[in-house]
Amino acid sequence: MKDKVFEKPIVKQFEFDEAVASVFDDMLSRSVPFYDEVRRLVIAVIISREAEGKKVLDLGSSTAKFLLDLHSKMGVAMHLKGLDNSQAMLDRARQKCHAFGADITLELADMLSYHYADEDIIVANYTLQFIRPMQRLELIKKLHQGLNKEGIFIFSEKVVFEDKQLDKELIDIYYGYKKTQGYSEYEIAQKREALENVLIPFTIEENIQMCKEAGFSEVTTLFQWANFVTFLAKR
């Protein structure tokens, strides 16, 4: 279904309700530059490390598109699990997993209070940016502690830049990109207003420093397009 959530005047801040869940796959593909390519890249990294029984946990798994794509590429049986705090998203995800006959565990959970243990790979696609900054470091510490010795954390985020002129230029370029995807200036403005104080991005350096402070030994970037970046952190 095509994303038309912001064609009408907004009446509340952005939330992952049924209206968003029903168009979320289209919203991601059209709103996040190279989203499909980044998803394939992350899956390729996971597949290169696949092993029987390995555990992969997706935070903010939404409609399970990432996990379903990963499931279709697996050469051995891994344990795939998704966490989300939106019932509307999980309802859609369960319907899709059932339709594809995919053995994927989906759980309604708050990632801030969830108990992480013996995880091999944790993924968060554009999820951390919705966690309040004061809580973000504590979450990353929990993820680090919950990973096995050779575990990795892969996450993608929208970022900001210290250079305010560059930051504005890249935001304008991004809005231009959204127009090429069929979004009107009105829809772009509506979504920007709805996300204000809900989506709070860090700089690239702040994301890396946060992971290092949480205990990760190495953090690198796998992909960047303007103000969208994918990171890999090694325990």
Protein backbone atom coordinates (compact mmCIF):
# COMPACT_ATOMS: atom_id res chain seq x y z
CA MET A 1 0.00 0.00 0.00
CA LYS A 2 1.31 3.47 -0.91
CA ASP A 3 2.31 5.85 1.87
CA LYS A 4 -0.20 8.73 2.02
CA VAL A 5 -0.07 9.26 5.79
CA PHE A 6 0.95 12.92 5.56
CA GLU A 7 -1.34 14.04 2.75
CA LYS A 8 -3.75 15.27 5.44
CA PRO A 9 -3.00 17.76 8.25
CA ILE A 10 -1.31 16.09 11.22
CA VAL A 11 -3.14 15.99 14.54
CA LYS A 12 -0.44 14.34 16.68
CA GLN A 13 3.26 13.51 16.87
CA PHE A 14 4.55 10.63 14.79
CA GLU A 15 3.82 7.17 16.17
CA PHE A 16 3.92 3.63 14.81
CA ASP A 17 0.16 3.09 14.78
CA GLU A 18 -2.06 1.16 12.37
CA ALA A 19 -2.05 3.99 9.81
CA VAL A 20 1.75 3.89 9.64
CA ALA A 21 1.99 0.09 9.88
CA SER A 22 -0.27 -0.34 6.85
CA VAL A 23 2.12 1.62 4.58
CA PHE A 24 5.41 1.18 6.44
CA ASP A 25 7.26 -0.91 3.85
CA ASP A 26 6.51 1.67 1.16
CA MET A 27 7.38 4.51 3.56
CA LEU A 28 10.83 3.06 4.24
CA SER A 29 11.65 2.32 0.61
CA ARG A 30 10.66 5.84 -0.50
CA SER A 31 11.82 7.83 2.55
CA VAL A 32 15.22 6.29 3.29
CA PRO A 33 17.81 6.63 0.50
CA PHE A 34 19.22 3.24 -0.58
CA TYR A 35 17.15 1.49 2.07
CA ASP A 36 16.74 -1.67 0.02
CA GLU A 37 20.44 -1.77 -0.88
CA VAL A 38 21.48 -1.26 2.76
CA ARG A 39 19.11 -4.02 3.84
CA ARG A 40 20.70 -6.36 1.31
CA LEU A 41 24.19 -5.31 2.48
CA VAL A 42 23.40 -6.02 6.13
CA ILE A 43 21.88 -9.37 5.21
CA ALA A 44 25.00 -10.24 3.18
CA VAL A 45 27.20 -9.46 6.20
CA ILE A 46 25.04 -11.71 8.39
CA ILE A 47 25.01 -14.52 5.81
CA SER A 48 28.82 -14.36 5.59
CA ARG A 49 28.85 -15.19 9.31
CA GLU A 50 25.94 -17.63 9.39
CA ALA A 51 26.15 -20.83 11.42
CA GLU A 52 23.69 -23.43 12.61
CA GLY A 53 21.78 -22.14 15.61
CA LYS A 54 23.22 -18.62 15.50
CA LYS A 55 20.88 -16.03 17.02
CA VAL A 56 19.90 -12.86 15.16
CA LEU A 57 17.82 -10.25 16.99
CA ASP A 58 16.17 -7.36 15.14
CA LEU A 59 15.23 -4.34 17.28
CA GLY A 60 12.23 -2.41 16.01
CA SER A 61 11.43 -5.23 13.60
CA SER A 62 8.22 -3.49 12.39
CA THR A 63 6.53 -5.57 9.65
CA ALA A 64 9.40 -8.15 9.64
CA LYS A 65 10.50 -7.27 6.11
CA PHE A 66 14.19 -7.44 7.09
CA LEU A 67 13.81 -10.74 8.94
CA LEU A 68 11.78 -12.28 6.12
CA ASP A 69 14.41 -11.28 3.57
CA LEU A 70 17.15 -12.68 5.82
CA HIS A 71 15.14 -15.90 6.30
CA SER A 72 14.89 -16.35 2.53
CA LYS A 73 18.69 -16.08 2.13
CA MET A 74 19.74 -18.42 4.97
CA GLY A 75 21.67 -21.54 4.04
CA VAL A 76 21.47 -23.01 7.55
CA ALA A 77 18.91 -22.78 10.34
CA MET A 78 19.49 -19.68 12.46
CA HIS A 79 17.20 -18.38 15.20
CA LEU A 80 15.57 -15.16 14.03
CA LYS A 81 13.72 -12.92 16.47
CA GLY A 82 12.15 -9.49 16.21
CA LEU A 83 11.20 -7.06 18.98
CA ASP A 84 8.76 -4.20 18.54
CA ASN A 85 6.65 -2.10 20.88
CA SER A 86 3.90 -1.52 18.31
CA GLN A 87 1.11 -4.09 18.29
CA ALA A 88 -0.02 -2.83 14.88
CA MET A 89 3.43 -3.58 13.43
CA LEU A 90 3.56 -7.03 15.03
CA ASP A 91 0.11 -7.93 13.74
CA ARG A 92 1.25 -7.17 10.19
CA ALA A 93 4.54 -9.00 10.76
CA ARG A 94 2.82 -12.16 12.01
CA GLN A 95 0.47 -12.18 9.03
CA LYS A 96 3.43 -11.95 6.65
CA CYS A 97 5.47 -14.62 8.44
CA HIS A 98 2.47 -16.96 8.38
CA ALA A 99 1.91 -16.31 4.67
CA PHE A 100 5.54 -17.13 3.86
CA GLY A 101 5.74 -20.04 6.29
CA ALA A 102 8.73 -18.44 7.99
CA ASP A 103 9.77 -19.60 11.46
CA ILE A 104 10.47 -16.20 13.01
CA THR A 105 9.83 -15.30 16.64
CA LEU A 106 8.11 -11.94 17.14
CA GLU A 107 7.66 -10.34 20.54
CA LEU A 108 5.91 -7.24 21.83
CA ALA A 109 8.57 -5.70 24.03
CA ASP A 110 10.20 -2.52 25.23
CA MET A 111 13.80 -2.73 24.07
CA LEU A 112 14.90 -0.58 27.02
CA SER A 113 13.76 -3.14 29.59
CA TYR A 114 14.25 -6.33 27.55
CA HIS A 115 16.74 -8.89 28.90
CA TYR A 116 19.45 -9.45 26.27
CA ALA A 117 21.46 -12.66 26.65
CA ASP A 118 23.59 -14.92 24.43
CA GLU A 119 22.87 -12.93 21.26
CA ASP A 120 25.19 -13.39 18.28
CA ILE A 121 24.01 -10.56 16.04
CA ILE A 122 21.80 -7.61 16.94
CA VAL A 123 20.39 -5.35 14.23
CA ALA A 124 18.65 -1.98 14.60
CA ASN A 125 17.53 -0.35 11.37
CA TYR A 126 16.75 3.34 12.02
CA THR A 127 15.58 2.51 15.54
CA LEU A 128 17.98 4.13 18.03
CA GLN A 129 17.09 7.61 16.77
CA PHE A 130 13.65 7.19 18.36
CA ILE A 131 15.15 6.42 21.80
CA ARG A 132 15.54 9.46 24.04
CA PRO A 133 19.22 10.57 24.08
CA MET A 134 19.50 10.15 27.87
CA GLN A 135 18.44 6.49 27.55
CA ARG A 136 20.40 5.60 24.43
CA LEU A 137 23.77 4.91 26.05
CA GLU A 138 22.22 2.64 28.69
CA LEU A 139 20.52 0.64 25.94
CA ILE A 140 23.79 0.24 24.01
CA LYS A 141 25.50 -0.95 27.20
CA LYS A 142 22.78 -3.60 27.61
CA LEU A 143 23.22 -4.71 24.00
CA HIS A 144 26.98 -5.01 24.49
CA GLN A 145 26.53 -7.07 27.64
CA GLY A 146 23.93 -9.27 25.94
CA LEU A 147 26.15 -10.21 22.99
CA ASN A 148 28.36 -13.29 22.89
CA LYS A 149 32.14 -12.84 22.73
CA GLU A 150 32.30 -12.65 18.92
CA GLY A 151 28.97 -10.85 18.64
CA ILE A 152 28.29 -7.82 16.46
CA PHE A 153 25.80 -4.97 16.50
CA ILE A 154 24.76 -3.50 13.13
CA PHE A 155 22.68 -0.35 13.12
CA SER A 156 21.59 2.32 10.67
CA GLU A 157 20.77 5.88 11.67
CA LYS A 158 19.91 9.27 10.31
CA VAL A 159 22.69 11.61 11.45
CA VAL A 160 23.39 15.32 11.85
CA PHE A 161 26.61 17.24 11.28
CA GLU A 162 28.44 19.76 13.45
CA ASP A 163 28.98 21.91 10.36
CA LYS A 164 25.61 23.67 10.27
CA GLN A 165 25.96 24.81 6.66
CA LEU A 166 26.76 21.27 5.50
CA ASP A 167 23.96 19.90 7.66
CA LYS A 168 21.42 22.22 6.01
CA GLU A 169 22.75 21.45 2.53
CA LEU A 170 22.39 17.71 3.10
CA ILE A 171 18.89 18.11 4.55
CA ASP A 172 17.89 20.08 1.46
CA ILE A 173 19.41 17.38 -0.76
CA TYR A 174 17.46 14.76 1.17
CA TYR A 175 14.19 16.65 0.75
CA GLY A 176 14.96 16.86 -2.95
CA TYR A 177 15.39 13.09 -2.95
CA LYS A 178 12.00 12.65 -1.30
CA LYS A 179 10.39 14.76 -4.01
CA THR A 180 11.82 12.40 -6.64
CA GLN A 181 10.10 9.58 -4.74
CA GLY A 182 6.71 11.22 -5.23
CA TYR A 183 6.31 13.08 -1.93
CA SER A 184 4.91 16.62 -2.14
CA GLU A 185 6.41 19.59 -0.30
CA TYR A 186 3.31 19.55 1.92
CA GLU A 187 3.83 15.88 2.87
CA ILE A 188 7.53 16.51 3.57
CA ALA A 189 6.71 19.49 5.80
CA GLN A 190 3.98 17.56 7.61
CA LYS A 191 6.26 14.63 8.38
CA ARG A 192 9.09 16.93 9.50
CA GLU A 193 6.72 18.57 11.98
CA ALA A 194 5.35 15.22 13.21
CA LEU A 195 8.87 13.89 13.83
CA GLU A 196 10.12 16.97 15.68
CA ASN A 197 11.32 15.96 19.16
CA VAL A 198 10.47 12.32 18.32
CA LEU A 199 13.37 11.47 16.01
CA ILE A 200 16.56 12.87 17.57
CA PRO A 201 19.71 12.07 15.55
CA PHE A 202 23.33 12.06 16.73
CA THR A 203 26.43 12.89 14.71
CA ILE A 204 28.53 10.06 13.26
CA GLU A 205 31.15 10.74 15.93
CA GLU A 206 28.56 10.65 18.74
CA ASN A 207 27.24 7.28 17.55
CA ILE A 208 30.75 5.84 17.43
CA GLN A 209 31.70 7.31 20.81
CA MET A 210 28.49 5.97 22.35
CA CYS A 211 29.37 2.44 21.22
CA LYS A 212 32.95 2.76 22.45
CA GLU A 213 31.75 4.05 25.82
CA ALA A 214 29.36 1.09 26.03
CA GLY A 215 32.32 -1.27 25.67
CA PHE A 216 32.45 -2.16 21.98
CA SER A 217 36.04 -2.74 20.85
CA GLU A 218 35.69 -1.52 17.28
CA VAL A 219 33.12 0.56 15.40
CA THR A 220 33.16 1.24 11.69
CA THR A 221 30.82 2.55 9.01
CA LEU A 222 29.60 0.16 6.32
CA PHE A 223 27.63 2.64 4.22
CA GLN A 224 26.81 6.34 4.01
CA TRP A 225 24.57 8.46 1.81
CA ALA A 226 24.58 12.08 2.98
CA ASN A 227 22.94 11.99 6.43
CA PHE A 228 22.09 8.26 6.49
CA VAL A 229 24.77 5.93 7.87
CA THR A 230 25.12 2.21 8.68
CA PHE A 231 27.51 1.19 11.45
CA LEU A 232 29.02 -2.14 12.57
CA ALA A 233 30.22 -2.52 16.16
CA LYS A 234 32.24 -5.50 17.36
CA ARG A 235 31.93 -6.66 20.93
